[in-house]
């Protein structure tokens, strides 16, 4: 619990800016080490839609945003990164967070559910699955130094999408409720208003 409190304290002590726009609560965090985190929450459900991170290089340049939760950012034609060779996007994998669980969705997998085997690898602190051969880490559990539990893991397959879910531990749920309460106090009163802390 001490590790969870320390991560919660890091979030609380960061400089935050809040904005309500397009039905979303957008929060920008600036940490003392120079890292930045941006989150978007649905105003109606309070569910996390997007979380992304960036940091400064040793020479002070900003890194590109790295998506932790939500669909990956898509480079538009003509952007500076459009010429970089990337892995095939035929199987799109992305992470979601609901109020009850962490979830990953891998699209374009036409196999039946019984072809997949999904399991926890405690030594590597990740979940794995056979057939797609992808390992998923749960950064929220790592930041709070919480163990992985096999009983919390489940998966299903529908519409050519493999959906892997990991039920959130009560420590994470409690920390999220406290943080959400603080974030709601940051919100502006009308569309486009923002408030910094």
Protein backbone atom coordinates (compact mmCIF):
# COMPACT_ATOMS: atom_id res chain seq x y z
CA UNK A 1 0.00 0.00 0.00
CA UNK A 2 2.96 2.34 0.58
CA UNK A 3 3.92 2.08 -3.13
CA UNK A 4 0.35 2.91 -4.19
CA UNK A 5 0.31 5.92 -1.92
CA UNK A 6 3.64 7.10 -3.32
CA UNK A 7 2.30 6.96 -6.92
CA UNK A 8 -0.89 8.73 -5.81
CA UNK A 9 1.26 11.38 -4.10
CA UNK A 10 3.32 11.83 -7.28
CA UNK A 11 0.09 12.48 -9.20
CA UNK A 12 -1.23 14.85 -6.56
CA UNK A 13 2.03 16.81 -6.36
CA UNK A 14 2.33 17.26 -10.14
CA UNK A 15 1.32 20.47 -11.86
CA UNK A 16 -2.05 19.87 -13.51
CA UNK A 17 -4.09 21.72 -16.10
CA UNK A 18 -7.70 20.75 -16.79
CA UNK A 19 -9.89 21.46 -19.79
CA UNK A 20 -13.41 20.36 -20.72
CA UNK A 21 -13.83 20.00 -24.46
CA UNK A 22 -15.98 17.88 -26.75
CA UNK A 23 -17.60 15.90 -23.93
CA UNK A 24 -14.20 15.00 -22.45
CA UNK A 25 -12.27 16.08 -19.38
CA UNK A 26 -8.67 16.57 -20.49
CA UNK A 27 -5.93 16.66 -17.87
CA UNK A 28 -2.30 17.53 -18.52
CA UNK A 29 0.26 16.56 -15.84
CA UNK A 30 3.75 18.01 -15.59
CA UNK A 31 6.01 16.06 -13.22
CA UNK A 32 9.06 17.36 -11.37
CA UNK A 33 11.38 15.19 -13.52
CA UNK A 34 10.11 16.89 -16.72
CA UNK A 35 7.88 14.05 -17.89
CA UNK A 36 4.40 14.89 -19.12
CA UNK A 37 1.23 12.82 -19.04
CA UNK A 38 -2.04 13.69 -20.77
CA UNK A 39 -5.34 11.95 -19.99
CA UNK A 40 -8.85 12.21 -21.39
CA UNK A 41 -11.94 11.09 -19.45
CA UNK A 42 -15.51 10.71 -20.70
CA UNK A 43 -17.60 13.32 -18.86
CA UNK A 44 -20.67 11.08 -18.57
CA UNK A 45 -19.04 7.82 -17.44
CA UNK A 46 -15.74 9.10 -15.93
CA UNK A 47 -13.94 6.33 -17.86
CA UNK A 48 -10.38 6.91 -19.02
CA UNK A 49 -10.33 7.19 -22.83
CA UNK A 50 -6.68 8.09 -23.47
CA UNK A 51 -3.42 8.27 -21.54
CA UNK A 52 -0.18 9.25 -23.22
CA UNK A 53 3.32 10.17 -22.06
CA UNK A 54 6.29 12.15 -23.31
CA UNK A 55 9.60 13.31 -21.89
CA UNK A 56 12.50 15.57 -22.76
CA UNK A 57 15.71 14.15 -24.19
CA UNK A 58 19.03 14.92 -22.45
CA UNK A 59 19.39 17.82 -24.91
CA UNK A 60 15.93 19.19 -24.11
CA UNK A 61 13.97 18.10 -27.20
CA UNK A 62 10.45 16.76 -26.69
CA UNK A 63 9.90 13.07 -27.49
CA UNK A 64 6.80 12.10 -29.47
CA UNK A 65 3.75 11.12 -27.41
CA UNK A 66 3.64 7.43 -26.46
CA UNK A 67 0.10 6.09 -26.00
CA UNK A 68 -0.36 3.91 -22.91
CA UNK A 69 -4.17 3.69 -22.96
CA UNK A 70 -6.45 4.20 -25.94
CA UNK A 71 -6.12 3.71 -29.67
CA UNK A 72 -2.68 4.47 -31.09
CA UNK A 73 -2.11 7.91 -32.59
CA UNK A 74 -2.29 7.82 -36.38
CA UNK A 75 0.24 9.78 -38.39
CA UNK A 76 -1.38 11.87 -41.06
CA UNK A 77 0.19 12.00 -44.54
CA UNK A 78 2.89 14.64 -44.65
CA UNK A 79 3.69 14.44 -40.93
CA UNK A 80 7.36 14.25 -40.03
CA UNK A 81 7.08 10.60 -38.94
CA UNK A 82 5.20 9.35 -42.03
CA UNK A 83 8.40 8.16 -43.76
CA UNK A 84 9.52 5.92 -40.90
CA UNK A 85 9.20 2.18 -41.52
CA UNK A 86 6.67 0.70 -39.10
CA UNK A 87 5.31 -2.74 -38.31
CA UNK A 88 2.20 -3.83 -40.18
CA UNK A 89 -1.06 -2.51 -38.79
CA UNK A 90 -3.05 -5.52 -39.97
CA UNK A 91 -3.46 -6.63 -36.33
CA UNK A 92 -4.18 -3.48 -34.39
CA UNK A 93 -3.62 -3.90 -30.64
CA UNK A 94 -4.53 -1.21 -28.15
CA UNK A 95 -5.20 -0.84 -24.45
CA UNK A 96 -8.38 0.37 -22.79
CA UNK A 97 -9.26 1.02 -19.17
CA UNK A 98 -12.79 0.64 -17.86
CA UNK A 99 -13.98 1.34 -14.35
CA UNK A 100 -13.61 -2.36 -13.47
CA UNK A 101 -10.70 -3.68 -15.55
CA UNK A 102 -7.68 -3.13 -17.76
CA UNK A 103 -8.36 -4.36 -21.27
CA UNK A 104 -6.53 -4.98 -24.54
CA UNK A 105 -8.19 -5.46 -27.92
CA UNK A 106 -6.45 -7.03 -30.88
CA UNK A 107 -8.38 -6.60 -34.10
CA UNK A 108 -8.33 -8.71 -37.28
CA UNK A 109 -7.82 -12.12 -35.65
CA UNK A 110 -10.10 -14.52 -37.50
CA UNK A 111 -9.44 -17.55 -35.27
CA UNK A 112 -11.91 -19.14 -32.84
CA UNK A 113 -11.64 -18.53 -29.08
CA UNK A 114 -10.36 -22.07 -28.35
CA UNK A 115 -7.25 -21.37 -30.47
CA UNK A 116 -6.03 -18.79 -27.93
CA UNK A 117 -4.38 -19.40 -24.58
CA UNK A 118 -4.09 -16.34 -22.32
CA UNK A 119 -2.09 -16.47 -19.08
CA UNK A 120 -0.15 -14.41 -16.52
CA UNK A 121 3.65 -14.48 -16.43
CA UNK A 122 4.47 -13.17 -12.91
CA UNK A 123 8.24 -13.28 -13.46
CA UNK A 124 7.96 -10.96 -16.47
CA UNK A 125 5.09 -8.93 -14.92
CA UNK A 126 2.89 -9.27 -18.00
CA UNK A 127 0.07 -11.24 -19.57
CA UNK A 128 0.77 -13.41 -22.61
CA UNK A 129 -1.27 -15.26 -25.16
CA UNK A 130 -0.57 -17.95 -27.70
CA UNK A 131 -1.44 -17.66 -31.37
CA UNK A 132 -1.03 -13.85 -31.44
CA UNK A 133 2.17 -14.12 -29.34
CA UNK A 134 1.88 -10.71 -27.71
CA UNK A 135 2.80 -9.74 -24.15
CA UNK A 136 0.91 -6.98 -22.37
CA UNK A 137 2.23 -5.10 -19.36
CA UNK A 138 -0.02 -3.31 -16.88
CA UNK A 139 1.83 -0.07 -16.07
CA UNK A 140 -0.64 0.87 -13.32
CA UNK A 141 0.22 -2.32 -11.40
CA UNK A 142 3.95 -1.81 -12.02
CA UNK A 143 3.83 1.79 -10.73
CA UNK A 144 2.09 0.58 -7.58
CA UNK A 145 4.24 -2.58 -7.22
CA UNK A 146 1.16 -4.82 -7.05
CA UNK A 147 1.41 -8.53 -7.97
CA UNK A 148 -0.32 -10.10 -10.96
CA UNK A 149 -3.09 -12.58 -10.15
CA UNK A 150 -4.11 -15.32 -12.60
CA UNK A 151 -7.68 -15.25 -11.27
CA UNK A 152 -8.08 -11.63 -12.41
CA UNK A 153 -7.37 -12.49 -16.07
CA UNK A 154 -10.04 -13.40 -18.62
CA UNK A 155 -10.48 -13.23 -22.39
CA UNK A 156 -13.06 -13.54 -25.11
CA UNK A 157 -13.14 -13.44 -28.89
CA UNK A 158 -15.86 -11.75 -30.95
CA UNK A 159 -16.08 -10.09 -34.37
CA UNK A 160 -12.47 -11.04 -35.22
CA UNK A 161 -11.26 -9.24 -32.07
CA UNK A 162 -9.44 -10.87 -29.15
CA UNK A 163 -10.39 -9.07 -25.92
CA UNK A 164 -8.12 -9.67 -22.92
CA UNK A 165 -9.32 -8.29 -19.56
CA UNK A 166 -7.62 -8.00 -16.18
CA UNK A 167 -9.82 -7.11 -13.20
CA UNK A 168 -8.49 -4.14 -11.25
CA UNK A 169 -7.37 -4.82 -7.67
CA UNK A 170 -9.18 -2.93 -4.90
CA UNK A 171 -6.05 -0.84 -4.20
CA UNK A 172 -6.13 0.54 -7.75
CA UNK A 173 -9.89 1.19 -7.58
CA UNK A 174 -9.53 3.13 -4.32
CA UNK A 175 -6.63 5.21 -5.69
CA UNK A 176 -8.58 5.98 -8.88
CA UNK A 177 -11.63 7.12 -6.92
CA UNK A 178 -9.50 9.54 -4.87
CA UNK A 179 -7.79 10.89 -7.99
CA UNK A 180 -11.06 11.26 -9.90
CA UNK A 181 -12.51 13.28 -7.04
CA UNK A 182 -9.54 15.65 -7.23
CA UNK A 183 -9.75 15.87 -11.04
CA UNK A 184 -13.43 16.82 -10.91
CA UNK A 185 -12.52 19.78 -8.72
CA UNK A 186 -10.11 20.99 -11.45
CA UNK A 187 -12.68 21.14 -14.24
CA UNK A 188 -13.76 24.41 -15.82
CA UNK A 189 -17.37 25.52 -15.57
CA UNK A 190 -18.06 25.83 -19.30
CA UNK A 191 -16.81 24.31 -22.54
CA UNK A 192 -13.23 25.39 -23.14
CA UNK A 193 -12.61 26.75 -19.64
CA UNK A 194 -9.49 25.45 -18.00
CA UNK A 195 -8.01 25.63 -14.58
CA UNK A 196 -4.44 24.93 -13.52
CA UNK A 197 -3.16 23.74 -10.19
